[in-house]
Amino acid sequence: MNVYRLAVRHAQLMLFALLTTFLFVITIDRMLGHSTWAFAVAIIVLVVANARMRHFNCPQCGKNLFFRGLLVVPWPNRTCTKCGLELDKPSE
């Protein structure tokens, strides 16, 4: 599987983690009232789940697929912005 497909899977996992932690915080707020612990747990889960993001780099030049200049975006590049390699083509 190429690096682009792996990065897309990571983006989908992060969307699932975001929705899950959102529902977790809503559920805890409904059951126990406002709790900062629920937010803390949600933040920790999202940070740990997103730690893999820095491993999705262009195989040719090493630029991360999720960075656009100084900004981090939630969806990976299909084409490397540094060297122009098409990342969504099947690996040979």
N, C-alpha and C. Protein backbone atom coordinates (compact mmCIF):
# COMPACT_ATOMS: atom_id res chain seq x y z
N MET A 1 0.85 -1.17 0.00
CA MET A 1 0.00 0.00 0.00
C MET A 1 0.90 1.24 0.00
N ASN A 2 0.54 2.21 -0.84
CA ASN A 2 1.39 3.39 -0.94
C ASN A 2 1.17 4.35 0.22
N VAL A 3 2.07 5.32 0.34
CA VAL A 3 2.05 6.23 1.48
C VAL A 3 0.79 7.10 1.48
N TYR A 4 0.27 7.43 0.31
CA TYR A 4 -0.94 8.25 0.24
C TYR A 4 -2.13 7.50 0.82
N ARG A 5 -2.31 6.22 0.46
CA ARG A 5 -3.42 5.42 1.00
C ARG A 5 -3.31 5.29 2.52
N LEU A 6 -2.09 5.09 3.02
CA LEU A 6 -1.89 5.01 4.47
C LEU A 6 -2.25 6.34 5.14
N ALA A 7 -1.89 7.45 4.51
CA ALA A 7 -2.22 8.76 5.06
C ALA A 7 -3.72 9.01 5.04
N VAL A 8 -4.40 8.56 3.98
CA VAL A 8 -5.87 8.70 3.92
C VAL A 8 -6.51 7.88 5.04
N ARG A 9 -6.00 6.67 5.26
CA ARG A 9 -6.52 5.85 6.38
C ARG A 9 -6.33 6.55 7.71
N HIS A 10 -5.19 7.20 7.88
CA HIS A 10 -4.94 7.95 9.11
C HIS A 10 -5.94 9.10 9.25
N ALA A 11 -6.21 9.81 8.17
CA ALA A 11 -7.18 10.90 8.21
C ALA A 11 -8.57 10.37 8.58
N GLN A 12 -8.94 9.23 8.04
CA GLN A 12 -10.23 8.63 8.39
C GLN A 12 -10.26 8.19 9.85
N LEU A 13 -9.17 7.64 10.34
CA LEU A 13 -9.08 7.26 11.75
C LEU A 13 -9.22 8.50 12.64
N MET A 14 -8.61 9.59 12.25
CA MET A 14 -8.70 10.81 13.04
C MET A 14 -10.12 11.37 13.05
N LEU A 15 -10.84 11.26 11.94
CA LEU A 15 -12.23 11.68 11.92
C LEU A 15 -13.06 10.83 12.86
N PHE A 16 -12.84 9.51 12.85
CA PHE A 16 -13.53 8.61 13.76
C PHE A 16 -13.19 8.94 15.22
N ALA A 17 -11.91 9.19 15.50
CA ALA A 17 -11.49 9.53 16.87
C ALA A 17 -12.11 10.84 17.31
N LEU A 18 -12.20 11.81 16.42
CA LEU A 18 -12.82 13.10 16.76
C LEU A 18 -14.29 12.92 17.10
N LEU A 19 -15.02 12.17 16.28
CA LEU A 19 -16.44 11.94 16.55
C LEU A 19 -16.64 11.15 17.84
N THR A 20 -15.79 10.16 18.08
CA THR A 20 -15.89 9.35 19.28
C THR A 20 -15.63 10.17 20.53
N THR A 21 -14.59 10.99 20.51
CA THR A 21 -14.30 11.81 21.69
C THR A 21 -15.36 12.88 21.90
N PHE A 22 -15.93 13.39 20.82
CA PHE A 22 -17.03 14.36 20.95
C PHE A 22 -18.22 13.70 21.64
N LEU A 23 -18.59 12.51 21.20
CA LEU A 23 -19.70 11.80 21.83
C LEU A 23 -19.38 11.43 23.28
N PHE A 24 -18.13 11.09 23.56
CA PHE A 24 -17.70 10.79 24.92
C PHE A 24 -17.90 12.00 25.83
N VAL A 25 -17.46 13.16 25.39
CA VAL A 25 -17.59 14.37 26.21
C VAL A 25 -19.07 14.71 26.41
N ILE A 26 -19.87 14.61 25.37
CA ILE A 26 -21.31 14.89 25.50
C ILE A 26 -21.96 13.93 26.49
N THR A 27 -21.62 12.64 26.38
CA THR A 27 -22.19 11.63 27.28
C THR A 27 -21.80 11.89 28.73
N ILE A 28 -20.54 12.17 28.99
CA ILE A 28 -20.10 12.45 30.36
C ILE A 28 -20.77 13.71 30.89
N ASP A 29 -20.90 14.73 30.06
CA ASP A 29 -21.58 15.96 30.50
C ASP A 29 -23.04 15.70 30.86
N ARG A 30 -23.70 14.86 30.09
CA ARG A 30 -25.11 14.55 30.38
C ARG A 30 -25.26 13.71 31.65
N MET A 31 -24.33 12.77 31.84
CA MET A 31 -24.45 11.86 32.98
C MET A 31 -23.95 12.48 34.29
N LEU A 32 -22.84 13.18 34.26
CA LEU A 32 -22.20 13.67 35.48
C LEU A 32 -22.16 15.18 35.61
N GLY A 33 -22.65 15.89 34.64
CA GLY A 33 -22.51 17.34 34.65
C GLY A 33 -21.19 17.73 34.00
N HIS A 34 -20.91 19.01 34.00
CA HIS A 34 -19.69 19.50 33.36
C HIS A 34 -18.46 18.94 34.05
N SER A 35 -17.58 18.33 33.25
CA SER A 35 -16.39 17.71 33.82
C SER A 35 -15.18 18.06 32.96
N THR A 36 -14.16 18.65 33.59
CA THR A 36 -12.95 18.94 32.84
C THR A 36 -12.16 17.67 32.55
N TRP A 37 -12.41 16.62 33.33
CA TRP A 37 -11.72 15.34 33.08
C TRP A 37 -12.11 14.75 31.73
N ALA A 38 -13.37 14.93 31.34
CA ALA A 38 -13.81 14.41 30.04
C ALA A 38 -13.06 15.10 28.91
N PHE A 39 -12.88 16.41 29.03
CA PHE A 39 -12.12 17.14 28.02
C PHE A 39 -10.66 16.72 28.02
N ALA A 40 -10.10 16.51 29.19
CA ALA A 40 -8.70 16.09 29.29
C ALA A 40 -8.49 14.73 28.63
N VAL A 41 -9.40 13.79 28.89
CA VAL A 41 -9.30 12.47 28.29
C VAL A 41 -9.44 12.57 26.77
N ALA A 42 -10.37 13.39 26.30
CA ALA A 42 -10.56 13.57 24.86
C ALA A 42 -9.32 14.14 24.19
N ILE A 43 -8.70 15.12 24.82
CA ILE A 43 -7.50 15.73 24.25
C ILE A 43 -6.36 14.72 24.21
N ILE A 44 -6.18 13.97 25.27
CA ILE A 44 -5.11 12.97 25.30
C ILE A 44 -5.32 11.91 24.22
N VAL A 45 -6.55 11.44 24.07
CA VAL A 45 -6.85 10.44 23.04
C VAL A 45 -6.55 10.99 21.65
N LEU A 46 -6.94 12.23 21.37
CA LEU A 46 -6.70 12.81 20.05
C LEU A 46 -5.21 13.04 19.78
N VAL A 47 -4.47 13.46 20.78
CA VAL A 47 -3.04 13.68 20.60
C VAL A 47 -2.32 12.35 20.34
N VAL A 48 -2.68 11.32 21.10
CA VAL A 48 -2.05 10.01 20.92
C VAL A 48 -2.42 9.42 19.55
N ALA A 49 -3.68 9.55 19.16
CA ALA A 49 -4.11 9.02 17.86
C ALA A 49 -3.44 9.74 16.70
N ASN A 50 -3.14 11.02 16.89
CA ASN A 50 -2.56 11.81 15.80
C ASN A 50 -1.03 11.77 15.78
N ALA A 51 -0.42 11.09 16.72
CA ALA A 51 1.05 11.03 16.78
C ALA A 51 1.65 10.38 15.54
N ARG A 52 0.92 9.50 14.88
CA ARG A 52 1.43 8.83 13.67
C ARG A 52 1.55 9.77 12.49
N MET A 53 0.90 10.94 12.54
CA MET A 53 0.86 11.83 11.39
C MET A 53 2.25 12.22 10.88
N ARG A 54 3.21 12.33 11.76
CA ARG A 54 4.53 12.77 11.33
C ARG A 54 5.31 11.70 10.57
N HIS A 55 4.76 10.49 10.44
CA HIS A 55 5.43 9.41 9.71
C HIS A 55 5.00 9.31 8.25
N PHE A 56 4.06 10.12 7.82
CA PHE A 56 3.57 10.06 6.44
C PHE A 56 4.32 11.11 5.61
N ASN A 57 5.47 10.70 5.10
CA ASN A 57 6.35 11.60 4.35
C ASN A 57 6.52 11.10 2.92
N CYS A 58 6.84 12.02 2.04
CA CYS A 58 7.12 11.69 0.64
C CYS A 58 8.34 10.77 0.60
N PRO A 59 8.25 9.65 -0.11
CA PRO A 59 9.38 8.72 -0.17
C PRO A 59 10.59 9.29 -0.92
N GLN A 60 10.37 10.30 -1.74
CA GLN A 60 11.46 10.86 -2.54
C GLN A 60 12.20 11.98 -1.79
N CYS A 61 11.46 12.92 -1.20
CA CYS A 61 12.12 14.08 -0.59
C CYS A 61 11.91 14.18 0.92
N GLY A 62 10.94 13.45 1.47
CA GLY A 62 10.73 13.45 2.91
C GLY A 62 9.76 14.48 3.44
N LYS A 63 9.10 15.27 2.56
CA LYS A 63 8.14 16.27 3.04
C LYS A 63 6.87 15.59 3.51
N ASN A 64 6.33 16.06 4.63
CA ASN A 64 5.13 15.47 5.20
C ASN A 64 3.92 15.77 4.31
N LEU A 65 3.04 14.78 4.16
CA LEU A 65 1.87 14.91 3.29
C LEU A 65 0.79 15.81 3.86
N PHE A 66 0.78 16.04 5.15
CA PHE A 66 -0.27 16.82 5.79
C PHE A 66 0.09 18.31 5.94
N PHE A 67 1.32 18.69 5.67
CA PHE A 67 1.74 20.08 5.84
C PHE A 67 1.62 20.84 4.52
N ARG A 68 1.05 22.04 4.60
CA ARG A 68 1.00 22.96 3.47
C ARG A 68 1.69 24.23 3.94
N GLY A 69 2.97 24.31 3.69
CA GLY A 69 3.75 25.43 4.22
C GLY A 69 3.87 25.26 5.73
N LEU A 70 3.42 26.25 6.49
CA LEU A 70 3.45 26.17 7.95
C LEU A 70 2.16 25.59 8.52
N LEU A 71 1.15 25.41 7.68
CA LEU A 71 -0.15 24.92 8.15
C LEU A 71 -0.25 23.40 8.08
N VAL A 72 -0.97 22.83 9.02
CA VAL A 72 -1.29 21.40 9.00
C VAL A 72 -2.75 21.27 8.62
N VAL A 73 -3.03 20.46 7.61
CA VAL A 73 -4.41 20.28 7.15
C VAL A 73 -4.85 18.85 7.41
N PRO A 74 -6.17 18.61 7.47
CA PRO A 74 -6.64 17.27 7.84
C PRO A 74 -6.62 16.23 6.72
N TRP A 75 -6.27 16.62 5.49
CA TRP A 75 -6.27 15.65 4.40
C TRP A 75 -4.92 15.70 3.68
N PRO A 76 -4.33 14.54 3.34
CA PRO A 76 -2.98 14.53 2.73
C PRO A 76 -2.97 14.99 1.28
N ASN A 77 -1.80 15.44 0.84
CA ASN A 77 -1.57 15.82 -0.56
C ASN A 77 -1.52 14.59 -1.44
N ARG A 78 -2.08 14.69 -2.66
CA ARG A 78 -1.92 13.62 -3.65
C ARG A 78 -0.58 13.76 -4.37
N THR A 79 -0.13 14.99 -4.47
CA THR A 79 1.13 15.28 -5.14
C THR A 79 2.02 16.04 -4.16
N CYS A 80 3.26 15.63 -4.06
CA CYS A 80 4.19 16.29 -3.14
C CYS A 80 4.40 17.74 -3.59
N THR A 81 4.26 18.68 -2.66
CA THR A 81 4.42 20.09 -3.00
C THR A 81 5.88 20.50 -3.14
N LYS A 82 6.78 19.65 -2.69
CA LYS A 82 8.21 19.98 -2.77
C LYS A 82 8.86 19.43 -4.04
N CYS A 83 8.65 18.12 -4.31
CA CYS A 83 9.34 17.51 -5.46
C CYS A 83 8.40 17.16 -6.61
N GLY A 84 7.08 17.22 -6.41
CA GLY A 84 6.13 16.96 -7.48
C GLY A 84 5.80 15.50 -7.72
N LEU A 85 6.26 14.60 -6.86
CA LEU A 85 5.98 13.17 -7.01
C LEU A 85 4.49 12.91 -6.78
N GLU A 86 3.87 12.14 -7.68
CA GLU A 86 2.47 11.77 -7.51
C GLU A 86 2.38 10.63 -6.52
N LEU A 87 1.83 10.91 -5.35
CA LEU A 87 1.84 9.97 -4.23
C LEU A 87 0.70 8.96 -4.27
N ASP A 88 -0.32 9.20 -5.08
CA ASP A 88 -1.46 8.31 -5.11
C ASP A 88 -1.34 7.21 -6.15
N LYS A 89 -0.24 7.16 -6.88
CA LYS A 89 -0.02 6.08 -7.84
C LYS A 89 0.41 4.83 -7.11
N PRO A 90 0.04 3.64 -7.62
CA PRO A 90 0.45 2.39 -6.96
C PRO A 90 1.96 2.24 -6.91
N SER A 91 2.44 1.63 -5.86
CA SER A 91 3.88 1.39 -5.71
C SER A 91 4.34 0.33 -6.71
N GLU A 92 5.55 0.49 -7.19
CA GLU A 92 6.08 -0.47 -8.15
C GLU A 92 6.99 -1.45 -7.48
